[in-house]
Amino acid sequence: MTRKIAIYGGSFNPPTNGHKEVIKKLSNFEEIILVPSYKHAWGKQVISFQQRVEMLQLFIDDLDIDNLRISLIEESIFSIHNNVVTTYDVLTALQNKYVKDDLTFVIGPDNFYNFNKFYKHTSILEKWSILVIPEIIKIRSTLIRTKINEKKSIDDLTTNNVLKYIKSKNLFRTTE
């Protein structure tokens, strides 16, 4: 039996209510797999992979959506492919794991506009469905990091347990 699986990747640095709104739009999929980037493709600085995975698990727990999962596939690919992880590699590895299932790659409009820069973008379009979901609410990880450094509240920008984690670890402070 073929299942429809949404693959939603990102830095999740940290996960936000903006991510939550995208995930809500994926309710017609039988499984939603969140794929945190191991190393940002264009060199953006992010906190450790482990901390982002921990936050993402708390985020999933807060959302309480039964078919929502994390895949650590990028960590495996990074070690095998000598520091390079591409979307094509991620989708190929996941397709090898979910052989009988239809995978749909979920992206935002910003990535869609730059899709021709993706490695093997034509092959991706030939092998998998792409679902572009417009930004529903303007809450990005950058906003959370900025507000933290401005010593402003982020209470309404992410889920409760992610908020507690950020505060307990004193994350995203670049100035004291």
C-alpha atoms as a PDB file:
ATOM      1  CA  MET A   1       0.000   0.000   0.000  1.00  0.00           C
ATOM      2  CA  THR A   2       1.435   3.356  -1.046  1.00  0.00           C
ATOM      3  CA  ARG A   3       1.466   6.069   1.569  1.00  0.00           C
ATOM      4  CA  LYS A   4       1.813   9.795   0.940  1.00  0.00           C
ATOM      5  CA  ILE A   5       4.674  11.244   2.961  1.00  0.00           C
ATOM      6  CA  ALA A   6       5.605  14.920   3.286  1.00  0.00           C
ATOM      7  CA  ILE A   7       9.300  15.723   3.709  1.00  0.00           C
ATOM      8  CA  TYR A   8       9.781  19.104   5.375  1.00  0.00           C
ATOM      9  CA  GLY A   9      13.374  20.160   5.893  1.00  0.00           C
ATOM     10  CA  GLY A  10      14.896  23.188   7.489  1.00  0.00           C
ATOM     11  CA  SER A  11      17.419  24.528   9.947  1.00  0.00           C
ATOM     12  CA  PHE A  12      14.799  24.700  12.712  1.00  0.00           C
ATOM     13  CA  ASN A  13      17.089  27.175  14.453  1.00  0.00           C
ATOM     14  CA  PRO A  14      14.710  27.249  16.433  1.00  0.00           C
ATOM     15  CA  PRO A  15      11.388  25.705  15.360  1.00  0.00           C
ATOM     16  CA  THR A  16       8.680  28.378  15.286  1.00  0.00           C
ATOM     17  CA  ASN A  17       4.938  28.839  15.136  1.00  0.00           C
ATOM     18  CA  GLY A  18       5.538  29.579  11.451  1.00  0.00           C
ATOM     19  CA  HIS A  19       6.751  25.980  11.056  1.00  0.00           C
ATOM     20  CA  LYS A  20       3.694  24.848  13.020  1.00  0.00           C
ATOM     21  CA  GLU A  21       1.360  26.565  10.547  1.00  0.00           C
ATOM     22  CA  VAL A  22       3.082  24.860   7.605  1.00  0.00           C
ATOM     23  CA  ILE A  23       2.758  21.483   9.340  1.00  0.00           C
ATOM     24  CA  LYS A  24      -0.980  22.091   9.855  1.00  0.00           C
ATOM     25  CA  LYS A  25      -1.300  22.471   6.057  1.00  0.00           C
ATOM     26  CA  LEU A  26       0.125  18.957   5.648  1.00  0.00           C
ATOM     27  CA  SER A  27      -2.730  17.177   7.427  1.00  0.00           C
ATOM     28  CA  ASN A  28      -3.687  15.251   4.281  1.00  0.00           C
ATOM     29  CA  PHE A  29      -0.386  13.309   4.371  1.00  0.00           C
ATOM     30  CA  GLU A  30      -0.182   9.975   6.132  1.00  0.00           C
ATOM     31  CA  GLU A  31       3.215  10.860   7.545  1.00  0.00           C
ATOM     32  CA  ILE A  32       5.119  14.127   7.942  1.00  0.00           C
ATOM     33  CA  ILE A  33       8.876  13.853   8.304  1.00  0.00           C
ATOM     34  CA  LEU A  34      10.842  16.826   9.595  1.00  0.00           C
ATOM     35  CA  VAL A  35      14.459  16.821   8.440  1.00  0.00           C
ATOM     36  CA  PRO A  36      16.745  19.188  10.340  1.00  0.00           C
ATOM     37  CA  SER A  37      19.739  20.255   8.291  1.00  0.00           C
ATOM     38  CA  TYR A  38      22.980  18.912   9.661  1.00  0.00           C
ATOM     39  CA  LYS A  39      24.987  21.774   8.231  1.00  0.00           C
ATOM     40  CA  HIS A  40      23.297  24.683   6.504  1.00  0.00           C
ATOM     41  CA  ALA A  41      23.650  24.408   2.723  1.00  0.00           C
ATOM     42  CA  TRP A  42      24.652  28.046   2.247  1.00  0.00           C
ATOM     43  CA  GLY A  43      26.855  28.340   5.318  1.00  0.00           C
ATOM     44  CA  LYS A  44      24.419  30.059   7.695  1.00  0.00           C
ATOM     45  CA  GLN A  45      25.527  29.766  11.321  1.00  0.00           C
ATOM     46  CA  VAL A  46      23.273  27.560  13.433  1.00  0.00           C
ATOM     47  CA  ILE A  47      23.458  26.123  16.934  1.00  0.00           C
ATOM     48  CA  SER A  48      24.517  22.495  17.298  1.00  0.00           C
ATOM     49  CA  PHE A  49      22.642  19.783  15.455  1.00  0.00           C
ATOM     50  CA  GLN A  50      21.942  18.005  18.755  1.00  0.00           C
ATOM     51  CA  GLN A  51      20.347  21.100  20.307  1.00  0.00           C
ATOM     52  CA  ARG A  52      18.188  21.668  17.225  1.00  0.00           C
ATOM     53  CA  VAL A  53      17.095  18.010  17.274  1.00  0.00           C
ATOM     54  CA  GLU A  54      16.239  18.280  20.975  1.00  0.00           C
ATOM     55  CA  MET A  55      14.174  21.416  20.315  1.00  0.00           C
ATOM     56  CA  LEU A  56      12.490  19.770  17.335  1.00  0.00           C
ATOM     57  CA  GLN A  57      11.471  16.784  19.470  1.00  0.00           C
ATOM     58  CA  LEU A  58      10.012  19.138  22.084  1.00  0.00           C
ATOM     59  CA  PHE A  59       8.227  20.980  19.280  1.00  0.00           C
ATOM     60  CA  ILE A  60       6.722  17.711  18.008  1.00  0.00           C
ATOM     61  CA  ASP A  61       5.684  16.761  21.543  1.00  0.00           C
ATOM     62  CA  ASP A  62       3.975  20.152  21.952  1.00  0.00           C
ATOM     63  CA  LEU A  63       2.127  19.809  18.635  1.00  0.00           C
ATOM     64  CA  ASP A  64       0.842  16.339  19.568  1.00  0.00           C
ATOM     65  CA  ILE A  65       0.408  15.208  15.952  1.00  0.00           C
ATOM     66  CA  ASP A  66       0.575  11.416  15.708  1.00  0.00           C
ATOM     67  CA  ASN A  67       2.040  11.206  12.204  1.00  0.00           C
ATOM     68  CA  LEU A  68       4.827  13.755  12.740  1.00  0.00           C
ATOM     69  CA  ARG A  69       8.406  12.410  12.929  1.00  0.00           C
ATOM     70  CA  ILE A  70      12.046  13.538  12.828  1.00  0.00           C
ATOM     71  CA  SER A  71      14.569  12.031  10.453  1.00  0.00           C
ATOM     72  CA  LEU A  72      18.259  12.358  11.236  1.00  0.00           C
ATOM     73  CA  ILE A  73      19.156  11.284   7.698  1.00  0.00           C
ATOM     74  CA  GLU A  74      21.289  14.377   7.069  1.00  0.00           C
ATOM     75  CA  GLU A  75      23.669  13.391   9.862  1.00  0.00           C
ATOM     76  CA  SER A  76      24.256  10.013   8.159  1.00  0.00           C
ATOM     77  CA  ILE A  77      24.677  11.553   4.714  1.00  0.00           C
ATOM     78  CA  PHE A  78      27.095  14.167   6.078  1.00  0.00           C
ATOM     79  CA  SER A  79      29.420  11.484   7.444  1.00  0.00           C
ATOM     80  CA  ILE A  80      29.254   9.396   4.252  1.00  0.00           C
ATOM     81  CA  HIS A  81      29.496  12.179   1.668  1.00  0.00           C
ATOM     82  CA  ASN A  82      32.369  14.023   3.290  1.00  0.00           C
ATOM     83  CA  ASN A  83      30.663  17.184   4.513  1.00  0.00           C
ATOM     84  CA  VAL A  84      28.175  17.623   1.657  1.00  0.00           C
ATOM     85  CA  VAL A  85      24.428  17.100   2.056  1.00  0.00           C
ATOM     86  CA  THR A  86      22.097  17.914  -0.813  1.00  0.00           C
ATOM     87  CA  THR A  87      18.328  17.799  -1.053  1.00  0.00           C
ATOM     88  CA  TYR A  88      18.716  15.228  -3.810  1.00  0.00           C
ATOM     89  CA  ASP A  89      20.748  12.983  -1.476  1.00  0.00           C
ATOM     90  CA  VAL A  90      18.207  13.404   1.328  1.00  0.00           C
ATOM     91  CA  LEU A  91      15.241  12.552  -0.895  1.00  0.00           C
ATOM     92  CA  THR A  92      17.090   9.602  -2.448  1.00  0.00           C
ATOM     93  CA  ALA A  93      18.006   8.192   0.973  1.00  0.00           C
ATOM     94  CA  LEU A  94      14.464   8.632   2.259  1.00  0.00           C
ATOM     95  CA  GLN A  95      13.005   7.070  -0.894  1.00  0.00           C
ATOM     96  CA  ASN A  96      15.309   4.072  -0.337  1.00  0.00           C
ATOM     97  CA  LYS A  97      13.869   3.775   3.176  1.00  0.00           C
ATOM     98  CA  TYR A  98      10.253   4.304   2.077  1.00  0.00           C
ATOM     99  CA  VAL A  99      10.466   2.376  -1.183  1.00  0.00           C
ATOM    100  CA  LYS A 100       6.745   1.938  -1.833  1.00  0.00           C
ATOM    101  CA  ASP A 101       5.697   5.399  -0.693  1.00  0.00           C
ATOM    102  CA  ASP A 102       5.172   8.675  -2.547  1.00  0.00           C
ATOM    103  CA  LEU A 103       7.382  11.417  -1.144  1.00  0.00           C
ATOM    104  CA  THR A 104       6.533  15.086  -1.478  1.00  0.00           C
ATOM    105  CA  PHE A 105       9.215  17.676  -0.805  1.00  0.00           C
ATOM    106  CA  VAL A 106       7.751  20.665   1.059  1.00  0.00           C
ATOM    107  CA  ILE A 107       9.375  24.074   0.622  1.00  0.00           C
ATOM    108  CA  GLY A 108       8.586  27.717   1.133  1.00  0.00           C
ATOM    109  CA  PRO A 109       8.456  30.298  -1.630  1.00  0.00           C
ATOM    110  CA  ASP A 110      11.945  31.609  -0.786  1.00  0.00           C
ATOM    111  CA  ASN A 111      13.483  28.208  -1.560  1.00  0.00           C
ATOM    112  CA  PHE A 112      11.241  27.707  -4.561  1.00  0.00           C
ATOM    113  CA  TYR A 113      12.519  30.942  -6.128  1.00  0.00           C
ATOM    114  CA  ASN A 114      16.053  29.580  -5.728  1.00  0.00           C
ATOM    115  CA  PHE A 115      15.178  26.014  -6.666  1.00  0.00           C
ATOM    116  CA  ASN A 116      17.285  26.122  -9.829  1.00  0.00           C
ATOM    117  CA  LYS A 117      20.347  26.443  -7.533  1.00  0.00           C
ATOM    118  CA  PHE A 118      19.587  23.099  -5.875  1.00  0.00           C
ATOM    119  CA  TYR A 119      21.889  20.250  -6.851  1.00  0.00           C
ATOM    120  CA  LYS A 120      20.126  18.068  -9.452  1.00  0.00           C
ATOM    121  CA  HIS A 121      17.007  20.235  -9.278  1.00  0.00           C
ATOM    122  CA  THR A 122      15.729  18.788 -12.572  1.00  0.00           C
ATOM    123  CA  SER A 123      16.080  15.231 -11.269  1.00  0.00           C
ATOM    124  CA  ILE A 124      14.258  16.204  -8.086  1.00  0.00           C
ATOM    125  CA  LEU A 125      11.343  17.513 -10.156  1.00  0.00           C
ATOM    126  CA  GLU A 126      11.293  14.311 -12.214  1.00  0.00           C
ATOM    127  CA  LYS A 127      11.359  11.911  -9.243  1.00  0.00           C
ATOM    128  CA  TRP A 128       9.344  13.645  -6.537  1.00  0.00           C
ATOM    129  CA  SER A 129       6.441  15.996  -6.049  1.00  0.00           C
ATOM    130  CA  ILE A 130       7.189  19.476  -4.776  1.00  0.00           C
ATOM    131  CA  LEU A 131       4.705  21.316  -2.591  1.00  0.00           C
ATOM    132  CA  VAL A 132       5.292  25.041  -2.167  1.00  0.00           C
ATOM    133  CA  ILE A 133       3.538  26.390   0.906  1.00  0.00           C
ATOM    134  CA  PRO A 134       3.416  30.167   1.197  1.00  0.00           C
ATOM    135  CA  GLU A 135       4.404  31.812   4.439  1.00  0.00           C
ATOM    136  CA  ILE A 136       1.232  31.696   6.518  1.00  0.00           C
ATOM    137  CA  ILE A 137       2.385  33.792   9.438  1.00  0.00           C
ATOM    138  CA  LYS A 138       5.536  35.892   9.442  1.00  0.00           C
ATOM    139  CA  ILE A 139       7.316  34.092  12.243  1.00  0.00           C
ATOM    140  CA  ARG A 140      10.764  32.953  11.251  1.00  0.00           C
ATOM    141  CA  SER A 141      13.631  31.639  13.337  1.00  0.00           C
ATOM    142  CA  THR A 142      15.509  34.872  12.616  1.00  0.00           C
ATOM    143  CA  LEU A 143      12.751  36.859  14.355  1.00  0.00           C
ATOM    144  CA  ILE A 144      13.098  34.739  17.498  1.00  0.00           C
ATOM    145  CA  ARG A 145      16.877  35.140  17.554  1.00  0.00           C
ATOM    146  CA  THR A 146      16.568  38.901  17.009  1.00  0.00           C
ATOM    147  CA  LYS A 147      13.982  39.325  19.777  1.00  0.00           C
ATOM    148  CA  ILE A 148      16.127  37.332  22.196  1.00  0.00           C
ATOM    149  CA  ASN A 149      19.035  39.672  21.565  1.00  0.00           C
ATOM    150  CA  GLU A 150      16.771  42.678  21.952  1.00  0.00           C
ATOM    151  CA  LYS A 151      15.610  41.188  25.277  1.00  0.00           C
ATOM    152  CA  LYS A 152      12.028  41.066  24.011  1.00  0.00           C
ATOM    153  CA  SER A 153       9.448  38.360  24.614  1.00  0.00           C
ATOM    154  CA  ILE A 154       9.273  35.370  22.281  1.00  0.00           C
ATOM    155  CA  ASP A 155       6.399  33.723  24.169  1.00  0.00           C
ATOM    156  CA  ASP A 156       4.020  33.847  21.192  1.00  0.00           C
ATOM    157  CA  LEU A 157       6.594  32.809  18.564  1.00  0.00           C
ATOM    158  CA  THR A 158       7.217  29.151  19.400  1.00  0.00           C
ATOM    159  CA  THR A 159       5.748  26.331  21.439  1.00  0.00           C
ATOM    160  CA  ASN A 160       5.880  26.166  25.217  1.00  0.00           C
ATOM    161  CA  ASN A 161       8.546  23.474  25.630  1.00  0.00           C
ATOM    162  CA  VAL A 162      10.787  24.975  22.930  1.00  0.00           C
ATOM    163  CA  LEU A 163      10.503  28.301  24.731  1.00  0.00           C
ATOM    164  CA  LYS A 164      11.503  26.671  28.038  1.00  0.00           C
ATOM    165  CA  TYR A 165      14.432  24.898  26.347  1.00  0.00           C
ATOM    166  CA  ILE A 166      15.730  28.124  24.773  1.00  0.00           C
ATOM    167  CA  LYS A 167      15.511  29.915  28.110  1.00  0.00           C
ATOM    168  CA  SER A 168      17.066  27.074  30.130  1.00  0.00           C
ATOM    169  CA  LYS A 169      20.035  26.810  27.738  1.00  0.00           C
ATOM    170  CA  ASN A 170      20.292  30.595  27.271  1.00  0.00           C
ATOM    171  CA  LEU A 171      20.353  30.062  23.490  1.00  0.00           C
ATOM    172  CA  PHE A 172      20.746  32.585  20.689  1.00  0.00           C
ATOM    173  CA  ARG A 173      22.301  35.363  22.741  1.00  0.00           C
ATOM    174  CA  THR A 174      25.039  37.068  20.791  1.00  0.00           C
ATOM    175  CA  THR A 175      25.474  39.989  23.175  1.00  0.00           C
ATOM    176  CA  GLU A 176      25.214  40.222  26.920  1.00  0.00           C
END
